N, C-alpha and C. Protein backbone atom coordinates (compact mmCIF):
# COMPACT_ATOMS: atom_id res chain seq x y z
N MET A 1 152.55 88.13 26.36
CA MET A 1 152.08 87.22 27.34
C MET A 1 151.04 86.28 27.25
N PRO A 2 151.20 84.93 27.74
CA PRO A 2 150.23 83.99 27.35
C PRO A 2 149.48 84.06 28.46
N GLY A 3 147.48 83.72 28.15
CA GLY A 3 146.84 83.88 28.82
C GLY A 3 145.87 85.24 29.14
N LYS A 4 146.75 86.54 28.19
CA LYS A 4 146.37 87.50 28.19
C LYS A 4 145.29 87.77 26.95
N HIS A 5 144.32 88.83 27.66
CA HIS A 5 143.61 88.98 26.26
C HIS A 5 144.38 90.14 25.38
N ASN A 6 144.24 90.15 24.47
CA ASN A 6 144.49 91.57 23.82
C ASN A 6 144.67 92.62 24.19
N SER A 7 143.25 93.23 24.74
CA SER A 7 143.06 94.44 25.34
C SER A 7 143.69 94.26 26.93
N GLU A 8 143.78 93.61 27.52
CA GLU A 8 144.68 93.73 28.60
C GLU A 8 146.31 94.10 28.01
N ARG A 9 146.73 93.53 27.14
CA ARG A 9 147.85 94.05 26.69
C ARG A 9 148.12 95.38 26.36
N SER A 10 147.22 95.78 25.33
CA SER A 10 147.57 96.68 24.87
C SER A 10 146.86 98.10 25.61
N GLY A 11 146.51 97.82 27.08
CA GLY A 11 145.99 98.58 28.51
C GLY A 11 144.32 98.91 27.78
N LYS A 12 144.04 98.83 26.63
CA LYS A 12 142.67 98.75 27.03
C LYS A 12 141.57 98.43 27.46
N ALA A 13 140.39 98.86 28.02
CA ALA A 13 139.60 97.74 28.54
C ALA A 13 138.65 97.15 27.40
N PRO A 14 138.45 96.23 27.96
CA PRO A 14 137.38 95.82 26.80
C PRO A 14 135.94 96.05 26.89
N ILE A 15 135.37 95.82 25.84
CA ILE A 15 134.32 96.53 25.48
C ILE A 15 133.58 95.13 25.96
N LEU A 16 132.82 95.77 26.67
CA LEU A 16 131.34 94.83 27.50
C LEU A 16 130.05 94.71 26.85
N GLY A 17 128.97 94.21 26.72
CA GLY A 17 127.34 94.18 25.95
C GLY A 17 127.17 95.28 27.22
N GLN A 18 127.43 96.01 27.93
CA GLN A 18 126.91 97.16 29.30
C GLN A 18 126.99 98.69 28.39
N GLY A 19 125.52 99.00 28.93
CA GLY A 19 125.08 100.34 28.45
C GLY A 19 126.46 101.44 29.46
N HIS A 20 126.14 102.59 29.00
CA HIS A 20 127.11 103.87 29.42
C HIS A 20 126.12 104.90 29.74
N ASN A 21 125.53 104.25 30.70
CA ASN A 21 124.34 105.79 31.80
C ASN A 21 123.45 106.27 30.62
N LEU A 22 122.93 106.19 28.78
CA LEU A 22 122.83 106.34 28.27
C LEU A 22 121.15 105.73 27.89
N SER A 23 120.45 106.59 28.20
CA SER A 23 119.01 105.93 28.34
C SER A 23 118.40 105.60 26.37
N ASN A 24 117.38 105.23 26.13
CA ASN A 24 116.79 105.02 24.98
C ASN A 24 116.94 106.06 24.63
N GLN A 25 115.96 106.72 25.34
CA GLN A 25 115.19 108.25 24.64
C GLN A 25 116.75 109.16 24.13
N GLU A 26 117.60 109.41 25.37
CA GLU A 26 118.67 109.77 25.11
C GLU A 26 119.32 109.72 23.53
N GLY A 27 119.91 108.36 23.56
CA GLY A 27 119.76 108.08 21.97
C GLY A 27 119.21 108.07 21.01
N GLU A 28 118.10 108.01 21.02
CA GLU A 28 117.48 108.56 20.13
C GLU A 28 117.26 109.93 20.10
N MET A 29 117.12 110.80 20.70
CA MET A 29 118.30 112.04 20.45
C MET A 29 118.89 112.42 19.98
N ILE A 30 120.08 111.94 20.44
CA ILE A 30 121.56 112.00 19.27
C ILE A 30 121.17 110.89 18.24
N LYS A 31 120.84 109.89 18.11
CA LYS A 31 120.31 109.62 16.44
C LYS A 31 120.03 110.99 15.62
N GLN A 32 119.02 111.47 16.07
CA GLN A 32 118.55 112.16 15.49
C GLN A 32 119.35 113.15 14.69
N MET A 33 119.70 114.20 15.94
CA MET A 33 120.54 115.40 16.02
C MET A 33 122.06 114.58 14.80
N ILE A 34 122.10 113.81 14.69
CA ILE A 34 123.42 113.16 13.73
C ILE A 34 122.78 112.85 12.48
N ARG A 35 121.78 112.71 12.29
CA ARG A 35 121.59 112.09 11.00
C ARG A 35 120.31 113.95 10.59
N GLU A 36 119.99 114.98 11.18
CA GLU A 36 119.95 115.59 10.72
C GLU A 36 121.01 116.60 10.53
N GLU A 37 122.21 116.41 11.46
CA GLU A 37 123.47 116.96 10.68
C GLU A 37 124.36 116.69 9.85
N GLN A 38 123.74 115.67 10.17
CA GLN A 38 125.08 114.58 8.78
C GLN A 38 124.26 114.93 7.08
N HIS A 39 122.34 115.54 7.25
CA HIS A 39 121.26 115.31 5.99
C HIS A 39 121.27 114.11 5.43
N SER A 40 121.22 113.46 6.81
CA SER A 40 121.49 111.76 5.95
C SER A 40 119.80 110.77 5.32
N HIS A 41 119.43 110.41 3.81
CA HIS A 41 118.42 110.08 3.95
C HIS A 41 118.40 108.45 3.28
N ARG A 42 120.02 108.14 4.05
CA ARG A 42 120.00 106.30 3.84
C ARG A 42 119.16 106.09 5.20
N GLU A 43 118.42 105.05 4.57
CA GLU A 43 117.87 104.36 5.54
C GLU A 43 118.38 103.57 6.46
N LEU A 44 118.14 103.25 7.94
CA LEU A 44 118.53 102.02 9.09
C LEU A 44 118.14 100.58 8.10
N PHE A 45 116.98 100.66 7.95
CA PHE A 45 116.89 98.97 7.09
C PHE A 45 116.71 99.24 6.03
N ILE A 46 116.69 97.95 5.12
CA ILE A 46 116.80 97.13 3.84
C ILE A 46 114.89 97.40 3.47
N PRO A 47 114.67 98.29 2.53
CA PRO A 47 112.93 98.82 2.21
C PRO A 47 113.11 96.95 1.34
N GLN A 48 111.12 96.92 1.47
CA GLN A 48 110.94 95.70 1.37
C GLN A 48 111.47 95.43 -0.27
N GLU A 49 110.85 96.52 -1.27
CA GLU A 49 111.20 96.50 -2.22
C GLU A 49 112.37 96.82 -3.49
N ASP A 50 113.17 96.69 -2.25
CA ASP A 50 114.33 96.80 -2.81
C ASP A 50 115.02 95.29 -2.73
N LEU A 51 114.82 94.45 -1.76
CA LEU A 51 114.71 93.06 -1.53
C LEU A 51 114.90 92.54 -2.68
N ALA A 52 115.80 91.31 -3.18
CA ALA A 52 115.60 90.66 -4.49
C ALA A 52 114.18 89.19 -3.62
N SER A 53 113.61 88.83 -4.74
CA SER A 53 112.63 87.81 -4.55
C SER A 53 112.94 86.65 -3.92
N GLU A 54 114.08 86.30 -3.91
CA GLU A 54 115.02 85.01 -2.92
C GLU A 54 115.23 85.25 -1.60
N ALA A 55 115.47 86.79 -1.30
CA ALA A 55 115.81 87.31 -0.35
C ALA A 55 114.89 87.32 0.88
N THR A 56 115.75 86.83 2.18
CA THR A 56 114.50 86.86 3.65
C THR A 56 114.82 87.95 4.55
N THR A 57 114.00 88.35 4.99
CA THR A 57 114.62 89.19 6.17
C THR A 57 113.50 88.56 7.92
N THR A 58 113.65 87.33 7.61
CA THR A 58 113.03 86.59 8.82
C THR A 58 114.43 85.34 9.20
N MET A 59 114.62 85.26 10.37
CA MET A 59 115.80 83.83 10.55
C MET A 59 114.86 82.94 10.78
N SER A 60 114.89 81.56 9.90
CA SER A 60 114.82 80.29 10.17
C SER A 60 114.35 79.98 11.72
N PRO A 61 113.45 79.33 12.20
CA PRO A 61 113.58 78.89 13.81
C PRO A 61 114.39 78.45 14.58
N PRO A 62 115.64 77.77 14.28
CA PRO A 62 116.73 77.12 13.88
C PRO A 62 117.80 78.03 14.33
N THR A 63 117.83 78.77 13.52
CA THR A 63 118.84 79.90 13.59
C THR A 63 118.48 81.25 14.70
N ALA A 64 117.28 81.76 14.35
CA ALA A 64 116.70 82.50 15.65
C ALA A 64 116.63 81.77 17.16
N ARG A 65 116.66 80.49 17.37
CA ARG A 65 116.94 79.54 18.72
C ARG A 65 118.85 80.22 19.19
N VAL A 66 119.02 79.68 18.31
CA VAL A 66 121.02 80.07 18.44
C VAL A 66 121.08 81.50 18.98
N ILE A 67 120.82 82.36 17.93
CA ILE A 67 121.05 83.35 17.63
C ILE A 67 120.08 83.95 19.14
N GLU A 68 119.38 84.07 19.34
CA GLU A 68 118.90 84.38 21.10
C GLU A 68 119.13 83.64 22.01
N ALA A 69 119.55 82.70 22.22
CA ALA A 69 120.20 81.58 23.15
C ALA A 69 122.19 82.62 23.52
N SER A 70 122.69 83.07 22.21
CA SER A 70 123.94 83.57 22.74
C SER A 70 123.44 85.33 23.07
N HIS A 71 122.52 85.42 22.89
CA HIS A 71 122.40 87.06 23.63
C HIS A 71 122.86 88.18 22.82
N ILE A 72 123.70 87.85 21.10
CA ILE A 72 124.62 88.60 20.39
C ILE A 72 123.59 89.77 20.28
N ARG A 73 122.33 89.48 20.01
CA ARG A 73 121.57 90.58 19.19
C ARG A 73 121.41 91.70 20.30
N PRO A 74 120.82 91.96 21.87
CA PRO A 74 120.66 92.81 22.48
C PRO A 74 122.64 93.16 22.98
N ILE A 75 123.55 92.70 22.85
CA ILE A 75 124.77 93.18 22.84
C ILE A 75 124.79 94.05 21.63
N LEU A 76 124.60 94.00 20.37
CA LEU A 76 125.06 94.90 19.43
C LEU A 76 124.28 95.90 19.44
N GLU A 77 122.80 95.80 19.96
CA GLU A 77 122.17 96.92 19.99
C GLU A 77 122.52 97.70 21.24
N MET A 78 123.31 97.68 22.23
CA MET A 78 123.76 98.39 23.46
C MET A 78 125.07 98.84 22.36
N PHE A 79 125.81 98.65 21.32
CA PHE A 79 127.04 98.71 21.00
C PHE A 79 126.14 99.69 20.02
N ASN A 80 125.65 99.50 18.89
CA ASN A 80 124.70 100.46 18.26
C ASN A 80 124.54 101.46 19.14
N ARG A 81 123.73 101.98 20.33
CA ARG A 81 123.40 102.71 20.86
C ARG A 81 124.31 103.23 21.60
N ASP A 82 125.48 102.68 22.44
CA ASP A 82 126.33 103.10 23.09
C ASP A 82 127.31 104.18 22.49
N PHE A 83 128.04 103.45 21.15
CA PHE A 83 129.00 103.98 20.28
C PHE A 83 128.76 103.82 19.42
N LEU A 84 127.80 104.16 18.79
CA LEU A 84 127.11 104.44 17.01
C LEU A 84 126.09 105.11 17.03
N TYR A 85 125.49 105.57 18.14
CA TYR A 85 124.26 106.51 18.49
C TYR A 85 123.40 106.65 17.41
N GLY A 86 122.77 104.59 17.32
CA GLY A 86 121.83 104.39 16.65
C GLY A 86 121.93 104.88 15.56
N GLN A 87 123.13 104.56 14.68
CA GLN A 87 123.67 104.91 13.35
C GLN A 87 123.42 103.67 12.75
N GLY A 88 123.60 102.62 13.01
CA GLY A 88 124.07 100.99 13.06
C GLY A 88 122.41 100.46 11.70
N ARG A 89 122.85 99.42 11.47
CA ARG A 89 121.15 98.70 11.06
C ARG A 89 121.14 97.03 11.01
N PHE A 90 120.73 96.26 11.74
CA PHE A 90 120.26 95.35 11.78
C PHE A 90 119.62 94.43 10.55
N ASP A 91 120.33 93.65 9.77
CA ASP A 91 119.22 93.29 8.82
C ASP A 91 119.17 91.83 9.02
N GLU A 92 118.03 90.75 8.75
CA GLU A 92 118.01 89.06 9.11
C GLU A 92 117.82 88.50 8.09
N TYR A 93 118.69 87.22 8.24
CA TYR A 93 118.63 86.77 7.05
C TYR A 93 117.97 84.84 7.14
N LYS A 94 117.81 84.18 6.48
CA LYS A 94 117.29 82.84 7.07
C LYS A 94 118.35 82.40 8.07
N SER A 95 120.29 82.21 7.45
CA SER A 95 120.33 81.25 8.21
C SER A 95 121.49 82.72 9.06
N GLY A 96 121.22 83.57 8.80
CA GLY A 96 121.85 84.78 10.42
C GLY A 96 121.25 86.27 10.16
N LEU A 97 122.09 86.84 11.11
CA LEU A 97 121.99 88.77 11.11
C LEU A 97 123.14 89.23 10.70
N ILE A 98 123.11 90.58 10.61
CA ILE A 98 124.27 91.30 10.15
C ILE A 98 124.06 92.40 10.92
N PHE A 99 124.83 93.04 11.15
CA PHE A 99 124.81 94.12 11.67
C PHE A 99 126.01 95.02 11.10
N LYS A 100 125.30 96.33 10.23
CA LYS A 100 126.28 97.29 9.55
C LYS A 100 126.17 98.39 10.22
N TRP A 101 127.28 99.44 9.50
CA TRP A 101 127.24 100.76 10.38
C TRP A 101 128.07 101.47 9.28
N GLY A 102 128.51 102.46 8.94
CA GLY A 102 128.98 103.42 7.89
C GLY A 102 128.98 103.70 6.60
N ASP A 103 129.46 104.51 5.86
CA ASP A 103 128.82 104.42 4.56
C ASP A 103 129.88 104.66 4.01
N GLY A 104 130.12 104.59 2.54
CA GLY A 104 130.59 104.24 1.14
C GLY A 104 132.15 103.50 1.89
N TYR A 105 133.02 104.12 1.91
CA TYR A 105 134.45 103.60 1.98
C TYR A 105 134.68 103.08 3.64
N SER A 106 133.40 103.66 4.35
CA SER A 106 133.49 103.30 5.76
C SER A 106 132.71 102.54 6.31
N ARG A 107 131.89 101.67 5.15
CA ARG A 107 130.89 100.42 5.15
C ARG A 107 131.90 99.38 6.21
N ARG A 108 130.97 98.96 7.63
CA ARG A 108 131.97 98.22 8.57
C ARG A 108 130.29 96.87 8.79
N HIS A 109 130.81 95.70 9.27
CA HIS A 109 129.80 94.63 9.55
C HIS A 109 130.30 93.68 10.61
N ILE A 110 129.29 93.16 11.32
CA ILE A 110 129.69 91.79 12.04
C ILE A 110 128.64 90.87 11.53
N TRP A 111 129.14 89.60 11.04
CA TRP A 111 128.04 89.05 10.51
C TRP A 111 128.30 87.54 11.31
N ALA A 112 126.91 87.45 11.85
CA ALA A 112 126.97 85.89 12.07
C ALA A 112 125.69 85.15 11.89
N THR A 113 126.23 83.87 11.49
CA THR A 113 125.32 82.72 11.09
C THR A 113 125.71 81.68 11.86
N VAL A 114 124.22 80.81 11.45
CA VAL A 114 124.45 79.63 12.28
C VAL A 114 124.60 78.44 11.30
N GLU A 115 125.16 77.50 12.02
CA GLU A 115 125.77 76.36 10.57
C GLU A 115 125.89 75.19 11.59
N ASP A 116 125.05 73.58 11.32
CA ASP A 116 124.97 72.51 12.40
C ASP A 116 124.58 72.93 13.58
N ASP A 117 123.99 73.84 14.11
CA ASP A 117 124.13 74.46 15.36
C ASP A 117 125.05 75.27 16.08
N ASN A 118 126.01 75.32 15.11
CA ASN A 118 126.87 76.30 15.85
C ASN A 118 126.99 77.94 15.21
N LEU A 119 127.27 78.90 16.30
CA LEU A 119 126.89 80.01 15.65
C LEU A 119 128.55 80.49 15.47
N VAL A 120 128.49 81.09 13.81
CA VAL A 120 129.71 81.06 12.88
C VAL A 120 129.98 82.71 12.77
N LEU A 121 130.87 82.74 13.55
CA LEU A 121 131.18 84.54 13.51
C LEU A 121 132.05 84.99 12.39
N GLU A 122 131.78 85.85 11.00
CA GLU A 122 133.18 86.40 10.52
C GLU A 122 134.27 87.13 11.01
N THR A 123 135.39 86.91 10.81
CA THR A 123 136.37 88.01 11.24
C THR A 123 137.00 88.92 10.12
N SER A 124 137.92 89.29 10.97
CA SER A 124 138.17 90.68 9.76
C SER A 124 139.96 89.69 9.50
N HIS A 125 140.03 88.90 10.03
CA HIS A 125 141.39 88.42 9.83
C HIS A 125 140.94 86.99 8.70
N THR A 126 142.52 86.79 7.85
CA THR A 126 142.67 85.83 6.47
C THR A 126 142.86 84.79 7.13
N LYS A 127 143.64 84.85 7.99
CA LYS A 127 144.66 83.55 8.37
C LYS A 127 144.55 83.03 9.96
N LYS A 128 144.55 81.84 10.45
CA LYS A 128 143.89 81.14 11.46
C LYS A 128 144.87 81.97 12.55
N CYS A 129 143.93 82.18 13.40
CA CYS A 129 144.35 82.87 15.09
C CYS A 129 144.82 82.16 16.47
N THR A 130 144.63 82.51 17.22
CA THR A 130 145.35 81.98 18.13
C THR A 130 144.18 81.02 19.15
N LYS A 131 142.78 81.48 18.84
CA LYS A 131 141.61 80.86 19.33
C LYS A 131 141.25 79.60 18.55
N PRO A 132 141.29 78.68 19.82
CA PRO A 132 141.06 77.28 19.16
C PRO A 132 139.95 77.48 18.10
N TYR A 133 139.14 77.61 18.50
CA TYR A 133 137.77 77.78 17.85
C TYR A 133 138.13 78.76 16.19
N CYS A 134 139.32 78.74 15.60
CA CYS A 134 138.96 79.86 14.35
C CYS A 134 139.65 79.00 13.53
N ASN A 135 139.14 79.30 12.12
CA ASN A 135 139.02 78.09 11.08
C ASN A 135 139.73 78.66 9.80
N GLY A 136 140.31 80.26 10.55
CA GLY A 136 141.32 81.38 9.52
C GLY A 136 140.50 82.32 8.81
N THR A 137 138.75 83.04 8.99
CA THR A 137 137.99 83.57 8.53
C THR A 137 137.20 83.43 9.38
N HIS A 138 136.70 82.68 10.09
CA HIS A 138 135.95 82.76 10.42
C HIS A 138 135.72 81.70 12.38
N HIS A 139 135.26 82.29 12.90
CA HIS A 139 135.12 81.64 14.69
C HIS A 139 133.98 80.32 14.75
N ILE A 140 133.89 79.84 15.17
CA ILE A 140 132.98 78.92 15.32
C ILE A 140 132.62 78.27 16.25
N LEU A 141 131.91 79.03 17.02
CA LEU A 141 131.24 78.11 17.74
C LEU A 141 130.23 77.60 18.28
N THR A 142 130.69 76.60 19.18
CA THR A 142 129.21 75.36 19.70
C THR A 142 128.62 75.61 20.56
N PRO A 143 127.56 75.08 20.97
CA PRO A 143 127.02 75.47 21.66
C PRO A 143 126.83 75.94 23.48
N ASP A 144 128.12 75.34 23.43
CA ASP A 144 128.93 75.47 25.52
C ASP A 144 129.70 76.62 25.31
N LEU A 145 130.39 76.85 23.89
CA LEU A 145 130.94 78.33 23.78
C LEU A 145 130.11 79.34 23.81
N TYR A 146 128.84 79.51 22.81
CA TYR A 146 128.17 80.61 22.29
C TYR A 146 127.47 80.83 23.47
N THR A 147 127.38 79.66 24.44
CA THR A 147 126.03 80.28 26.01
C THR A 147 126.76 80.72 26.92
N ASP A 148 128.45 81.16 26.98
CA ASP A 148 129.56 81.35 28.03
C ASP A 148 129.37 83.07 27.22
N GLN A 149 128.35 83.91 28.37
CA GLN A 149 128.16 85.60 27.98
C GLN A 149 129.62 86.17 28.58
N VAL A 150 130.69 86.11 29.23
CA VAL A 150 131.76 86.21 28.81
C VAL A 150 133.24 85.89 27.79
N LEU A 151 132.65 85.22 27.15
CA LEU A 151 133.01 84.34 25.62
C LEU A 151 132.19 85.43 24.59
N ILE A 152 130.97 85.39 24.84
CA ILE A 152 130.39 86.35 23.68
C ILE A 152 130.86 87.72 23.86
N ASN A 153 130.79 88.43 24.83
CA ASN A 153 130.98 89.42 25.26
C ASN A 153 132.94 90.40 24.78
N GLN A 154 133.25 89.12 25.03
CA GLN A 154 134.92 89.99 24.58
C GLN A 154 134.62 89.01 22.83
N GLU A 155 134.32 88.35 22.17
CA GLU A 155 133.96 87.91 20.78
C GLU A 155 133.27 89.27 20.20
N LEU A 156 132.40 89.51 20.53
CA LEU A 156 131.98 90.61 20.21
C LEU A 156 132.34 92.23 20.20
N GLY A 157 133.08 92.57 21.50
CA GLY A 157 134.03 93.52 21.10
C GLY A 157 135.17 93.84 20.53
N ASP A 158 135.79 92.91 20.67
CA ASP A 158 136.78 92.11 19.53
C ASP A 158 136.49 92.24 17.62
N LEU A 159 135.38 92.03 17.39
CA LEU A 159 134.79 92.05 16.16
C LEU A 159 134.33 93.74 16.17
N PHE A 160 133.89 94.07 17.00
CA PHE A 160 133.44 95.75 16.91
C PHE A 160 134.66 96.35 16.86
N ARG A 161 135.97 95.86 17.85
CA ARG A 161 136.95 96.90 17.15
C ARG A 161 138.06 96.51 16.17
N ARG A 162 137.56 95.49 15.75
CA ARG A 162 137.73 94.83 13.97
C ARG A 162 137.21 94.57 13.67
N PRO A 163 136.58 95.49 13.04
CA PRO A 163 135.13 94.83 12.16
C PRO A 163 135.97 94.47 10.79
N VAL A 164 134.70 93.84 9.98
CA VAL A 164 135.05 93.34 8.36
C VAL A 164 134.58 94.46 7.81
N TYR A 165 135.74 95.48 6.88
CA TYR A 165 135.54 96.21 6.56
C TYR A 165 135.05 95.81 4.68
N GLU A 166 133.57 96.34 4.41
CA GLU A 166 133.48 96.13 2.84
C GLU A 166 133.73 96.99 1.91
N SER A 167 134.01 96.05 1.02
CA SER A 167 134.15 96.82 -0.32
C SER A 167 133.20 97.30 -0.84
N THR A 168 133.54 98.59 -2.18
CA THR A 168 132.18 99.56 -2.12
C THR A 168 131.20 98.71 -2.88
N GLU A 169 131.93 97.45 -3.76
CA GLU A 169 130.95 97.02 -4.80
C GLU A 169 130.01 95.90 -3.71
N ASP A 170 129.73 95.87 -2.46
CA ASP A 170 129.18 95.07 -1.85
C ASP A 170 127.40 95.48 -1.79
């Protein structure tokens, strides 16, 4: 079906960066209940003492500008609140932002970096897909693409449904 999105062909509604009537307070309560039930001691951030000396937890100004213009962080924060009940975590690096969730064999992530003023999203596939901005392993979005909120919602929804699975060595 040319021109139809994968979600339309499968009959599933696309995941959009919109809340599902879950307040921040309700999200925090659910997150706390899950953590208590799982007896989880996993931190939702990387402690400063665990970071390598060359690591950074702050994006460079050009990277931060592109991440902000794309609105990916607030959309991913909604996914974290509404679908993962706050169990995901965000880590910033000089060149990008990573959103991680899961433990052990189920660790997944959405990794966004900035290269030459383009937003680069890592994909779970290893060969070129039908999207014109795909290079086989990444979707490279130019400024006119990453400022298109419909496109960003679609991309992040696709990446959330088919995230990159991390090996246990990561």
